[in-house]
Amino acid sequence: MSDPPDQKYVTVARILRARGNKGEVRADLLTDFPERLPHLREMLLRGQSGAERAVVLRAFWVDQNHPGQGVFHFEGCDSIDAAERLRGLEVQIPYEQRAALPTGSYFVSDLIGCSVFEVPAPARGWSSSLGKVRDVYFPGEGQPGTPLLALDTVDGELLVPLAADICRRIDIAARRIEVELPEGLRGLNG
């Protein structure tokens, strides 16, 4: 697998440890679409140092006994020792192979770093910069609620609900989000 130097990747899992004695590894899944992984062949393993290695996927399945985890088996990894050498590595796929999302849904990695602008009523015709998205917070499992954009602003963190009536326009290509903040929202964050 040869990649152009500017090829972008997205992390779908982080290897925890060897599993079994045939070179398989258990990993934390970092994707909402693990059912797609068995259909992908070429992946990249990347360490914290930036060292990377192209691999071919032999098999993958979601671990039914450990929610949020999966088992990977890569070609050429046929022993416990070989699998243990993969501990801590990220499993990545080419950016272009990410799942297609329905309109109005976004990858967290695409939202992080976007500049956020407050857009008042259209009659005023101006906008002001609030800050940049640092993270996206989700309600707890089984808890209803709207995800929150965590913005870094000059006044500290500002949490903005990722709701259509507040986030009026999201332009990932331009790295820009336009919001209309409800009255009192800033006071809740302070």
N, C-alpha and C. Protein backbone atom coordinates (compact mmCIF):
# COMPACT_ATOMS: atom_id res chain seq x y z
N MET A 1 0.86 -1.17 0.00
CA MET A 1 0.00 0.00 0.00
C MET A 1 0.90 1.22 0.00
N SER A 2 0.87 2.00 -1.06
CA SER A 2 1.66 3.22 -1.09
C SER A 2 0.72 4.41 -1.10
N ASP A 3 1.02 5.39 -0.28
CA ASP A 3 0.14 6.52 -0.09
C ASP A 3 0.84 7.81 -0.49
N PRO A 4 0.07 8.76 -1.03
CA PRO A 4 0.67 10.06 -1.27
C PRO A 4 1.10 10.67 0.06
N PRO A 5 2.13 11.52 0.06
CA PRO A 5 2.64 12.07 1.32
C PRO A 5 1.60 12.86 2.10
N ASP A 6 0.60 13.43 1.43
CA ASP A 6 -0.39 14.24 2.13
C ASP A 6 -1.68 13.46 2.42
N GLN A 7 -1.64 12.14 2.30
CA GLN A 7 -2.80 11.30 2.58
C GLN A 7 -3.24 11.50 4.03
N LYS A 8 -4.54 11.72 4.23
CA LYS A 8 -5.08 11.88 5.59
C LYS A 8 -5.73 10.58 6.04
N TYR A 9 -5.61 10.31 7.33
CA TYR A 9 -6.19 9.10 7.92
C TYR A 9 -7.05 9.48 9.10
N VAL A 10 -7.96 8.58 9.44
CA VAL A 10 -8.81 8.76 10.62
C VAL A 10 -8.67 7.50 11.47
N THR A 11 -8.57 7.70 12.78
CA THR A 11 -8.39 6.58 13.72
C THR A 11 -9.74 5.92 13.99
N VAL A 12 -9.80 4.59 13.84
CA VAL A 12 -11.03 3.84 14.08
C VAL A 12 -10.92 2.94 15.31
N ALA A 13 -9.69 2.71 15.81
CA ALA A 13 -9.51 1.84 16.97
C ALA A 13 -8.13 2.08 17.58
N ARG A 14 -7.99 1.67 18.85
CA ARG A 14 -6.70 1.71 19.54
C ARG A 14 -6.45 0.33 20.13
N ILE A 15 -5.32 -0.27 19.76
CA ILE A 15 -5.01 -1.64 20.16
C ILE A 15 -4.68 -1.70 21.65
N LEU A 16 -5.33 -2.63 22.34
CA LEU A 16 -5.13 -2.81 23.79
C LEU A 16 -4.08 -3.86 24.10
N ARG A 17 -4.23 -5.05 23.47
CA ARG A 17 -3.34 -6.16 23.80
C ARG A 17 -3.59 -7.33 22.85
N ALA A 18 -2.73 -8.34 22.98
CA ALA A 18 -2.92 -9.58 22.21
C ALA A 18 -4.18 -10.29 22.71
N ARG A 19 -4.79 -11.03 21.80
CA ARG A 19 -5.98 -11.81 22.15
C ARG A 19 -5.80 -13.19 21.53
N GLY A 20 -5.82 -14.21 22.32
CA GLY A 20 -5.62 -15.57 21.80
C GLY A 20 -4.17 -15.81 21.47
N ASN A 21 -3.92 -16.89 20.71
CA ASN A 21 -2.53 -17.26 20.41
C ASN A 21 -2.23 -17.29 18.92
N LYS A 22 -3.10 -16.66 18.10
CA LYS A 22 -2.91 -16.69 16.64
C LYS A 22 -2.54 -15.32 16.06
N GLY A 23 -2.20 -14.35 16.93
CA GLY A 23 -1.80 -13.04 16.44
C GLY A 23 -2.91 -12.02 16.40
N GLU A 24 -4.05 -12.36 16.96
CA GLU A 24 -5.16 -11.40 16.97
C GLU A 24 -4.93 -10.39 18.09
N VAL A 25 -5.53 -9.19 17.93
CA VAL A 25 -5.43 -8.16 18.96
C VAL A 25 -6.82 -7.64 19.32
N ARG A 26 -7.00 -7.31 20.59
CA ARG A 26 -8.23 -6.68 21.07
C ARG A 26 -7.99 -5.18 21.03
N ALA A 27 -9.04 -4.42 20.63
CA ALA A 27 -8.89 -2.98 20.50
C ALA A 27 -10.15 -2.25 20.95
N ASP A 28 -9.96 -1.05 21.50
CA ASP A 28 -11.08 -0.16 21.77
C ASP A 28 -11.52 0.42 20.44
N LEU A 29 -12.83 0.36 20.16
CA LEU A 29 -13.35 0.90 18.91
C LEU A 29 -13.64 2.38 19.08
N LEU A 30 -13.20 3.18 18.13
CA LEU A 30 -13.39 4.62 18.15
C LEU A 30 -14.24 5.07 16.96
N THR A 31 -15.06 4.17 16.46
CA THR A 31 -15.93 4.45 15.33
C THR A 31 -17.35 4.07 15.69
N ASP A 32 -18.29 4.79 15.12
CA ASP A 32 -19.71 4.45 15.28
C ASP A 32 -20.16 3.44 14.23
N PHE A 33 -19.24 3.05 13.34
CA PHE A 33 -19.58 2.18 12.23
C PHE A 33 -18.66 0.96 12.14
N PRO A 34 -18.56 0.16 13.22
CA PRO A 34 -17.64 -0.99 13.19
C PRO A 34 -18.05 -2.05 12.17
N GLU A 35 -19.32 -2.07 11.78
CA GLU A 35 -19.77 -3.06 10.80
C GLU A 35 -19.10 -2.88 9.44
N ARG A 36 -18.51 -1.72 9.19
CA ARG A 36 -17.82 -1.46 7.92
C ARG A 36 -16.40 -2.04 7.90
N LEU A 37 -15.81 -2.23 9.07
CA LEU A 37 -14.40 -2.61 9.14
C LEU A 37 -14.07 -3.94 8.46
N PRO A 38 -14.90 -4.99 8.55
CA PRO A 38 -14.51 -6.24 7.90
C PRO A 38 -14.41 -6.12 6.37
N HIS A 39 -14.99 -5.07 5.81
CA HIS A 39 -15.00 -4.90 4.35
C HIS A 39 -13.83 -4.08 3.85
N LEU A 40 -13.01 -3.56 4.76
CA LEU A 40 -11.83 -2.80 4.39
C LEU A 40 -10.62 -3.71 4.45
N ARG A 41 -9.72 -3.58 3.51
CA ARG A 41 -8.55 -4.45 3.49
C ARG A 41 -7.31 -3.75 4.02
N GLU A 42 -7.04 -2.57 3.50
CA GLU A 42 -5.79 -1.89 3.84
C GLU A 42 -6.02 -0.88 4.96
N MET A 43 -5.13 -0.95 5.95
CA MET A 43 -5.20 -0.05 7.10
C MET A 43 -3.80 0.42 7.42
N LEU A 44 -3.74 1.36 8.34
CA LEU A 44 -2.46 1.89 8.77
C LEU A 44 -2.39 1.75 10.28
N LEU A 45 -1.25 1.31 10.80
CA LEU A 45 -1.02 1.28 12.24
C LEU A 45 -0.06 2.42 12.55
N ARG A 46 -0.44 3.28 13.52
CA ARG A 46 0.39 4.44 13.84
C ARG A 46 0.61 4.50 15.34
N GLY A 47 1.88 4.75 15.70
CA GLY A 47 2.24 4.89 17.11
C GLY A 47 2.26 6.34 17.53
N GLN A 48 2.40 6.59 18.83
CA GLN A 48 2.44 7.96 19.33
C GLN A 48 3.65 8.71 18.82
N SER A 49 4.70 8.00 18.48
CA SER A 49 5.92 8.64 17.96
C SER A 49 5.74 9.10 16.52
N GLY A 50 4.64 8.69 15.89
CA GLY A 50 4.42 9.03 14.49
C GLY A 50 4.83 7.92 13.55
N ALA A 51 5.53 6.89 14.09
CA ALA A 51 5.92 5.77 13.25
C ALA A 51 4.66 5.07 12.75
N GLU A 52 4.67 4.70 11.49
CA GLU A 52 3.49 4.07 10.91
C GLU A 52 3.87 2.88 10.06
N ARG A 53 2.88 2.01 9.87
CA ARG A 53 3.11 0.78 9.11
C ARG A 53 1.81 0.39 8.43
N ALA A 54 1.87 0.16 7.13
CA ALA A 54 0.70 -0.30 6.39
C ALA A 54 0.47 -1.78 6.68
N VAL A 55 -0.79 -2.17 6.85
CA VAL A 55 -1.14 -3.56 7.12
C VAL A 55 -2.36 -3.94 6.29
N VAL A 56 -2.51 -5.24 6.10
CA VAL A 56 -3.68 -5.78 5.41
C VAL A 56 -4.51 -6.53 6.44
N LEU A 57 -5.78 -6.23 6.48
CA LEU A 57 -6.68 -6.85 7.42
C LEU A 57 -7.05 -8.25 6.95
N ARG A 58 -6.83 -9.23 7.81
CA ARG A 58 -7.22 -10.60 7.52
C ARG A 58 -8.65 -10.85 8.02
N ALA A 59 -8.95 -10.35 9.23
CA ALA A 59 -10.29 -10.56 9.80
C ALA A 59 -10.55 -9.50 10.86
N PHE A 60 -11.82 -9.21 11.07
CA PHE A 60 -12.26 -8.31 12.13
C PHE A 60 -13.64 -8.73 12.58
N TRP A 61 -13.89 -8.63 13.89
CA TRP A 61 -15.25 -8.81 14.41
C TRP A 61 -15.39 -8.00 15.69
N VAL A 62 -16.63 -7.61 15.96
CA VAL A 62 -16.95 -6.90 17.20
C VAL A 62 -16.99 -7.94 18.31
N ASP A 63 -16.36 -7.63 19.43
CA ASP A 63 -16.32 -8.55 20.57
C ASP A 63 -17.63 -8.45 21.33
N GLN A 64 -18.45 -9.48 21.26
CA GLN A 64 -19.76 -9.48 21.89
C GLN A 64 -19.69 -9.48 23.42
N ASN A 65 -18.57 -9.94 23.97
CA ASN A 65 -18.41 -9.99 25.43
C ASN A 65 -17.86 -8.71 26.03
N HIS A 66 -17.33 -7.83 25.19
CA HIS A 66 -16.73 -6.58 25.67
C HIS A 66 -17.26 -5.43 24.82
N PRO A 67 -18.35 -4.80 25.25
CA PRO A 67 -18.94 -3.70 24.48
C PRO A 67 -17.91 -2.61 24.18
N GLY A 68 -17.94 -2.12 22.95
CA GLY A 68 -17.01 -1.07 22.54
C GLY A 68 -15.65 -1.57 22.12
N GLN A 69 -15.49 -2.89 22.05
CA GLN A 69 -14.21 -3.45 21.64
C GLN A 69 -14.39 -4.38 20.43
N GLY A 70 -13.30 -4.55 19.70
CA GLY A 70 -13.30 -5.43 18.56
C GLY A 70 -12.00 -6.21 18.51
N VAL A 71 -11.97 -7.20 17.64
CA VAL A 71 -10.78 -8.03 17.47
C VAL A 71 -10.31 -7.90 16.02
N PHE A 72 -9.04 -7.57 15.86
CA PHE A 72 -8.42 -7.44 14.54
C PHE A 72 -7.40 -8.55 14.37
N HIS A 73 -7.28 -9.06 13.15
CA HIS A 73 -6.22 -9.99 12.82
C HIS A 73 -5.62 -9.51 11.50
N PHE A 74 -4.35 -9.13 11.56
CA PHE A 74 -3.66 -8.58 10.39
C PHE A 74 -2.77 -9.63 9.76
N GLU A 75 -2.64 -9.58 8.44
CA GLU A 75 -1.73 -10.51 7.74
C GLU A 75 -0.32 -10.31 8.27
N GLY A 76 0.39 -11.42 8.46
CA GLY A 76 1.76 -11.37 8.95
C GLY A 76 1.89 -11.30 10.45
N CYS A 77 0.77 -11.20 11.15
CA CYS A 77 0.79 -11.18 12.62
C CYS A 77 0.20 -12.51 13.08
N ASP A 78 1.10 -13.49 13.36
CA ASP A 78 0.65 -14.86 13.61
C ASP A 78 1.04 -15.43 14.96
N SER A 79 1.46 -14.56 15.90
CA SER A 79 1.86 -15.08 17.20
C SER A 79 1.49 -14.07 18.29
N ILE A 80 1.51 -14.54 19.52
CA ILE A 80 1.24 -13.65 20.66
C ILE A 80 2.30 -12.55 20.71
N ASP A 81 3.56 -12.92 20.50
CA ASP A 81 4.64 -11.91 20.54
C ASP A 81 4.43 -10.83 19.48
N ALA A 82 4.08 -11.23 18.27
CA ALA A 82 3.85 -10.25 17.20
C ALA A 82 2.66 -9.36 17.54
N ALA A 83 1.62 -9.94 18.12
CA ALA A 83 0.44 -9.17 18.50
C ALA A 83 0.77 -8.20 19.63
N GLU A 84 1.57 -8.62 20.60
CA GLU A 84 1.94 -7.74 21.72
C GLU A 84 2.73 -6.53 21.25
N ARG A 85 3.48 -6.66 20.17
CA ARG A 85 4.25 -5.53 19.63
C ARG A 85 3.34 -4.44 19.05
N LEU A 86 2.05 -4.77 18.85
CA LEU A 86 1.10 -3.80 18.32
C LEU A 86 0.36 -3.02 19.42
N ARG A 87 0.59 -3.41 20.65
CA ARG A 87 -0.09 -2.77 21.80
C ARG A 87 0.10 -1.25 21.74
N GLY A 88 -1.01 -0.51 21.91
CA GLY A 88 -0.97 0.94 21.96
C GLY A 88 -1.04 1.64 20.62
N LEU A 89 -0.93 0.89 19.53
CA LEU A 89 -0.99 1.52 18.21
C LEU A 89 -2.43 1.87 17.83
N GLU A 90 -2.57 2.92 17.02
CA GLU A 90 -3.88 3.30 16.50
C GLU A 90 -4.10 2.59 15.17
N VAL A 91 -5.32 2.13 14.96
CA VAL A 91 -5.71 1.54 13.68
C VAL A 91 -6.40 2.65 12.90
N GLN A 92 -5.87 2.95 11.72
CA GLN A 92 -6.41 4.05 10.93
C GLN A 92 -6.80 3.59 9.54
N ILE A 93 -7.76 4.33 8.97
CA ILE A 93 -8.18 4.07 7.58
C ILE A 93 -8.06 5.39 6.82
N PRO A 94 -7.92 5.33 5.49
CA PRO A 94 -7.87 6.57 4.72
C PRO A 94 -9.13 7.40 4.95
N TYR A 95 -8.93 8.69 5.06
CA TYR A 95 -9.99 9.65 5.31
C TYR A 95 -11.16 9.46 4.33
N GLU A 96 -10.85 9.17 3.09
CA GLU A 96 -11.88 9.01 2.06
C GLU A 96 -12.76 7.78 2.27
N GLN A 97 -12.31 6.84 3.12
CA GLN A 97 -13.07 5.62 3.35
C GLN A 97 -13.99 5.71 4.57
N ARG A 98 -14.09 6.91 5.16
CA ARG A 98 -15.02 7.07 6.28
C ARG A 98 -16.44 6.81 5.79
N ALA A 99 -17.32 6.47 6.70
CA ALA A 99 -18.72 6.23 6.36
C ALA A 99 -19.36 7.53 5.88
N ALA A 100 -20.29 7.40 4.96
CA ALA A 100 -21.06 8.56 4.52
C ALA A 100 -22.12 8.85 5.59
N LEU A 101 -22.22 10.09 5.99
CA LEU A 101 -23.19 10.47 7.01
C LEU A 101 -24.41 11.11 6.37
N PRO A 102 -25.56 10.96 7.00
CA PRO A 102 -26.75 11.64 6.48
C PRO A 102 -26.61 13.15 6.65
N THR A 103 -27.33 13.89 5.86
CA THR A 103 -27.33 15.34 5.94
C THR A 103 -27.66 15.78 7.36
N GLY A 104 -26.90 16.74 7.86
CA GLY A 104 -27.13 17.24 9.21
C GLY A 104 -26.35 16.50 10.28
N SER A 105 -25.59 15.47 9.90
CA SER A 105 -24.73 14.73 10.83
C SER A 105 -23.28 15.04 10.47
N TYR A 106 -22.42 15.06 11.49
CA TYR A 106 -21.03 15.46 11.28
C TYR A 106 -20.10 14.57 12.09
N PHE A 107 -18.89 14.38 11.58
CA PHE A 107 -17.85 13.70 12.33
C PHE A 107 -17.31 14.70 13.36
N VAL A 108 -17.06 14.25 14.57
CA VAL A 108 -16.51 15.11 15.61
C VAL A 108 -15.19 15.71 15.13
N SER A 109 -14.37 14.90 14.47
CA SER A 109 -13.07 15.39 14.00
C SER A 109 -13.22 16.52 13.00
N ASP A 110 -14.34 16.58 12.28
CA ASP A 110 -14.57 17.68 11.34
C ASP A 110 -15.02 18.94 12.06
N LEU A 111 -15.69 18.80 13.19
CA LEU A 111 -16.18 19.97 13.94
C LEU A 111 -15.07 20.63 14.76
N ILE A 112 -14.16 19.80 15.30
CA ILE A 112 -13.08 20.35 16.13
C ILE A 112 -12.18 21.25 15.28
N GLY A 113 -11.95 22.44 15.79
CA GLY A 113 -11.12 23.41 15.09
C GLY A 113 -11.91 24.40 14.25
N CYS A 114 -13.21 24.18 14.07
CA CYS A 114 -14.03 25.12 13.31
C CYS A 114 -14.16 26.43 14.09
N SER A 115 -14.14 27.55 13.38
CA SER A 115 -14.40 28.86 13.97
C SER A 115 -15.91 29.03 14.09
N VAL A 116 -16.34 29.57 15.23
CA VAL A 116 -17.77 29.75 15.48
C VAL A 116 -18.08 31.24 15.53
N PHE A 117 -19.12 31.62 14.79
CA PHE A 117 -19.53 33.02 14.69
C PHE A 117 -20.96 33.16 15.15
N GLU A 118 -21.21 34.18 15.96
CA GLU A 118 -22.58 34.48 16.37
C GLU A 118 -23.22 35.35 15.30
N VAL A 119 -24.34 34.90 14.80
CA VAL A 119 -25.05 35.61 13.76
C VAL A 119 -26.38 36.08 14.34
N PRO A 120 -26.51 37.37 14.59
CA PRO A 120 -27.79 37.87 15.09
C PRO A 120 -28.85 37.86 14.01
N ALA A 121 -30.01 38.43 14.30
CA ALA A 121 -31.12 38.46 13.35
C ALA A 121 -30.63 38.93 11.98
N PRO A 122 -31.14 38.32 10.90
CA PRO A 122 -30.66 38.66 9.55
C PRO A 122 -30.76 40.14 9.22
N ALA A 123 -31.65 40.90 9.86
CA ALA A 123 -31.80 42.32 9.56
C ALA A 123 -30.52 43.10 9.91
N ARG A 124 -29.78 42.62 10.92
CA ARG A 124 -28.55 43.33 11.32
C ARG A 124 -27.41 43.07 10.34
N GLY A 125 -27.38 41.86 9.78
CA GLY A 125 -26.41 41.54 8.75
C GLY A 125 -24.95 41.50 9.18
N TRP A 126 -24.64 41.22 10.43
CA TRP A 126 -23.25 41.11 10.84
C TRP A 126 -23.06 39.87 11.71
N SER A 127 -21.82 39.50 11.88
CA SER A 127 -21.52 38.36 12.74
C SER A 127 -20.28 38.68 13.56
N SER A 128 -20.16 38.02 14.71
CA SER A 128 -18.98 38.22 15.55
C SER A 128 -18.39 36.86 15.92
N SER A 129 -17.06 36.82 15.98
CA SER A 129 -16.37 35.58 16.29
C SER A 129 -16.51 35.25 17.77
N LEU A 130 -16.92 34.02 18.07
CA LEU A 130 -17.02 33.55 19.45
C LEU A 130 -15.77 32.79 19.87
N GLY A 131 -15.20 32.01 18.98
CA GLY A 131 -14.05 31.19 19.30
C GLY A 131 -13.98 29.98 18.39
N LYS A 132 -13.25 28.95 18.85
CA LYS A 132 -13.08 27.72 18.06
C LYS A 132 -13.58 26.52 18.86
N VAL A 133 -14.07 25.53 18.12
CA VAL A 133 -14.52 24.29 18.75
C VAL A 133 -13.30 23.50 19.22
N ARG A 134 -13.25 23.22 20.53
CA ARG A 134 -12.16 22.44 21.11
C ARG A 134 -12.54 20.97 21.25
N ASP A 135 -13.86 20.72 21.53
CA ASP A 135 -14.31 19.35 21.75
C ASP A 135 -15.82 19.31 21.55
N VAL A 136 -16.37 18.10 21.51
CA VAL A 136 -17.81 17.90 21.45
C VAL A 136 -18.16 16.95 22.58
N TYR A 137 -19.10 17.38 23.44
CA TYR A 137 -19.53 16.57 24.58
C TYR A 137 -20.88 15.93 24.24
N PHE A 138 -21.02 14.67 24.61
CA PHE A 138 -22.26 13.93 24.35
C PHE A 138 -22.92 13.57 25.66
N PRO A 139 -24.27 13.47 25.67
CA PRO A 139 -24.95 13.03 26.89
C PRO A 139 -24.50 11.61 27.23
N GLY A 140 -24.65 11.24 28.49
CA GLY A 140 -24.26 9.89 28.91
C GLY A 140 -25.10 8.83 28.23
N GLU A 141 -24.58 7.61 28.21
CA GLU A 141 -25.29 6.50 27.58
C GLU A 141 -26.67 6.33 28.20
N GLY A 142 -27.66 6.26 27.36
CA GLY A 142 -29.03 6.10 27.81
C GLY A 142 -29.65 7.40 28.30
N GLN A 143 -28.90 8.48 28.22
CA GLN A 143 -29.40 9.79 28.66
C GLN A 143 -29.81 10.60 27.44
N PRO A 144 -31.03 11.13 27.44
CA PRO A 144 -31.43 11.98 26.32
C PRO A 144 -30.69 13.31 26.41
N GLY A 145 -30.53 13.96 25.29
CA GLY A 145 -29.91 15.28 25.31
C GLY A 145 -29.26 15.59 23.98
N THR A 146 -28.82 16.81 23.88
CA THR A 146 -28.18 17.31 22.67
C THR A 146 -26.68 17.40 22.91
N PRO A 147 -25.87 16.99 21.93
CA PRO A 147 -24.43 17.19 22.06
C PRO A 147 -24.10 18.67 22.23
N LEU A 148 -22.99 18.96 22.90
CA LEU A 148 -22.57 20.33 23.14
C LEU A 148 -21.22 20.59 22.48
N LEU A 149 -21.12 21.71 21.77
CA LEU A 149 -19.83 22.16 21.24
C LEU A 149 -19.12 22.89 22.36
N ALA A 150 -17.91 22.48 22.70
CA ALA A 150 -17.10 23.17 23.71
C ALA A 150 -16.19 24.14 22.97
N LEU A 151 -16.46 25.43 23.14
CA LEU A 151 -15.69 26.46 22.45
C LEU A 151 -14.66 27.06 23.38
N ASP A 152 -13.47 27.32 22.84
CA ASP A 152 -12.47 28.12 23.55
C ASP A 152 -12.70 29.56 23.11
N THR A 153 -13.04 30.42 24.08
CA THR A 153 -13.29 31.83 23.80
C THR A 153 -12.33 32.68 24.62
N VAL A 154 -12.32 33.98 24.37
CA VAL A 154 -11.46 34.87 25.15
C VAL A 154 -11.90 34.91 26.61
N ASP A 155 -13.15 34.57 26.89
CA ASP A 155 -13.67 34.56 28.26
C ASP A 155 -13.66 33.17 28.89
N GLY A 156 -13.06 32.19 28.25
CA GLY A 156 -13.04 30.81 28.75
C GLY A 156 -13.92 29.91 27.91
N GLU A 157 -14.32 28.79 28.49
CA GLU A 157 -15.12 27.81 27.76
C GLU A 157 -16.57 28.28 27.63
N LEU A 158 -17.14 28.06 26.45
CA LEU A 158 -18.55 28.32 26.20
C LEU A 158 -19.13 27.05 25.61
N LEU A 159 -20.20 26.53 26.19
CA LEU A 159 -20.86 25.33 25.70
C LEU A 159 -22.09 25.74 24.89
N VAL A 160 -22.13 25.29 23.64
CA VAL A 160 -23.21 25.64 22.72
C VAL A 160 -23.87 24.34 22.25
N PRO A 161 -25.18 24.21 22.45
CA PRO A 161 -25.88 23.01 21.97
C PRO A 161 -25.75 22.85 20.45
N LEU A 162 -25.44 21.65 20.02
CA LEU A 162 -25.34 21.33 18.60
C LEU A 162 -26.75 20.99 18.10
N ALA A 163 -27.57 22.02 18.03
CA ALA A 163 -28.98 21.87 17.64
C ALA A 163 -29.24 22.76 16.43
N ALA A 164 -30.10 22.31 15.52
CA ALA A 164 -30.37 23.03 14.28
C ALA A 164 -30.90 24.44 14.53
N ASP A 165 -31.68 24.65 15.59
CA ASP A 165 -32.22 25.98 15.84
C ASP A 165 -31.19 26.93 16.45
N ILE A 166 -30.03 26.42 16.84
CA ILE A 166 -28.95 27.26 17.37
C ILE A 166 -27.80 27.32 16.36
N CYS A 167 -27.36 26.16 15.88
CA CYS A 167 -26.30 26.11 14.87
C CYS A 167 -26.97 26.25 13.50
N ARG A 168 -27.08 27.48 13.06
CA ARG A 168 -27.85 27.80 11.86
C ARG A 168 -27.18 27.34 10.58
N ARG A 169 -25.84 27.35 10.56
CA ARG A 169 -25.12 26.95 9.35
C ARG A 169 -23.79 26.32 9.75
N ILE A 170 -23.54 25.13 9.23
CA ILE A 170 -22.27 24.45 9.47
C ILE A 170 -21.64 24.19 8.11
N ASP A 171 -20.48 24.80 7.88
CA ASP A 171 -19.76 24.65 6.61
C ASP A 171 -18.40 24.04 6.93
N ILE A 172 -18.34 22.72 6.86
CA ILE A 172 -17.12 22.00 7.22
C ILE A 172 -15.96 22.40 6.30
N ALA A 173 -16.23 22.54 5.00
CA ALA A 173 -15.17 22.90 4.05
C ALA A 173 -14.55 24.25 4.41
N ALA A 174 -15.37 25.21 4.84
CA ALA A 174 -14.87 26.53 5.21
C ALA A 174 -14.41 26.58 6.66
N ARG A 175 -14.63 25.47 7.42
CA ARG A 175 -14.27 25.39 8.85
C ARG A 175 -14.99 26.48 9.65
N ARG A 176 -16.29 26.67 9.34
CA ARG A 176 -17.08 27.77 9.92
C ARG A 176 -18.45 27.27 10.38
N ILE A 177 -18.83 27.69 11.61
CA ILE A 177 -20.15 27.39 12.15
C ILE A 177 -20.77 28.71 12.56
N GLU A 178 -22.00 28.94 12.10
CA GLU A 178 -22.72 30.16 12.47
C GLU A 178 -23.83 29.78 13.44
N VAL A 179 -23.86 30.48 14.58
CA VAL A 179 -24.83 30.16 15.62
C VAL A 179 -25.67 31.38 15.96
N GLU A 180 -26.88 31.12 16.40
CA GLU A 180 -27.74 32.15 16.95
C GLU A 180 -28.02 31.73 18.39
N LEU A 181 -27.33 32.38 19.32
CA LEU A 181 -27.40 31.98 20.73
C LEU A 181 -28.71 32.45 21.36
N PRO A 182 -29.38 31.56 22.08
CA PRO A 182 -30.57 31.98 22.81
C PRO A 182 -30.18 32.95 23.93
N GLU A 183 -31.07 33.84 24.25
CA GLU A 183 -30.80 34.79 25.32
C GLU A 183 -30.51 34.03 26.62
N GLY A 184 -29.48 34.46 27.31
CA GLY A 184 -29.12 33.87 28.60
C GLY A 184 -28.15 32.71 28.52
N LEU A 185 -27.83 32.21 27.31
CA LEU A 185 -26.93 31.06 27.20
C LEU A 185 -25.54 31.37 27.75
N ARG A 186 -25.04 32.54 27.45
CA ARG A 186 -23.70 32.90 27.95
C ARG A 186 -23.66 32.91 29.47
N GLY A 187 -24.73 33.36 30.11
CA GLY A 187 -24.80 33.41 31.56
C GLY A 187 -24.79 32.02 32.19
N LEU A 188 -25.33 31.03 31.49
CA LEU A 188 -25.33 29.65 32.00
C LEU A 188 -23.93 29.07 32.03
N ASN A 189 -23.10 29.50 31.10
CA ASN A 189 -21.73 28.99 30.97
C ASN A 189 -20.76 29.69 31.89
N GLY A 190 -21.11 30.84 32.41
CA GLY A 190 -20.17 31.64 33.20
C GLY A 190 -20.17 31.20 34.59
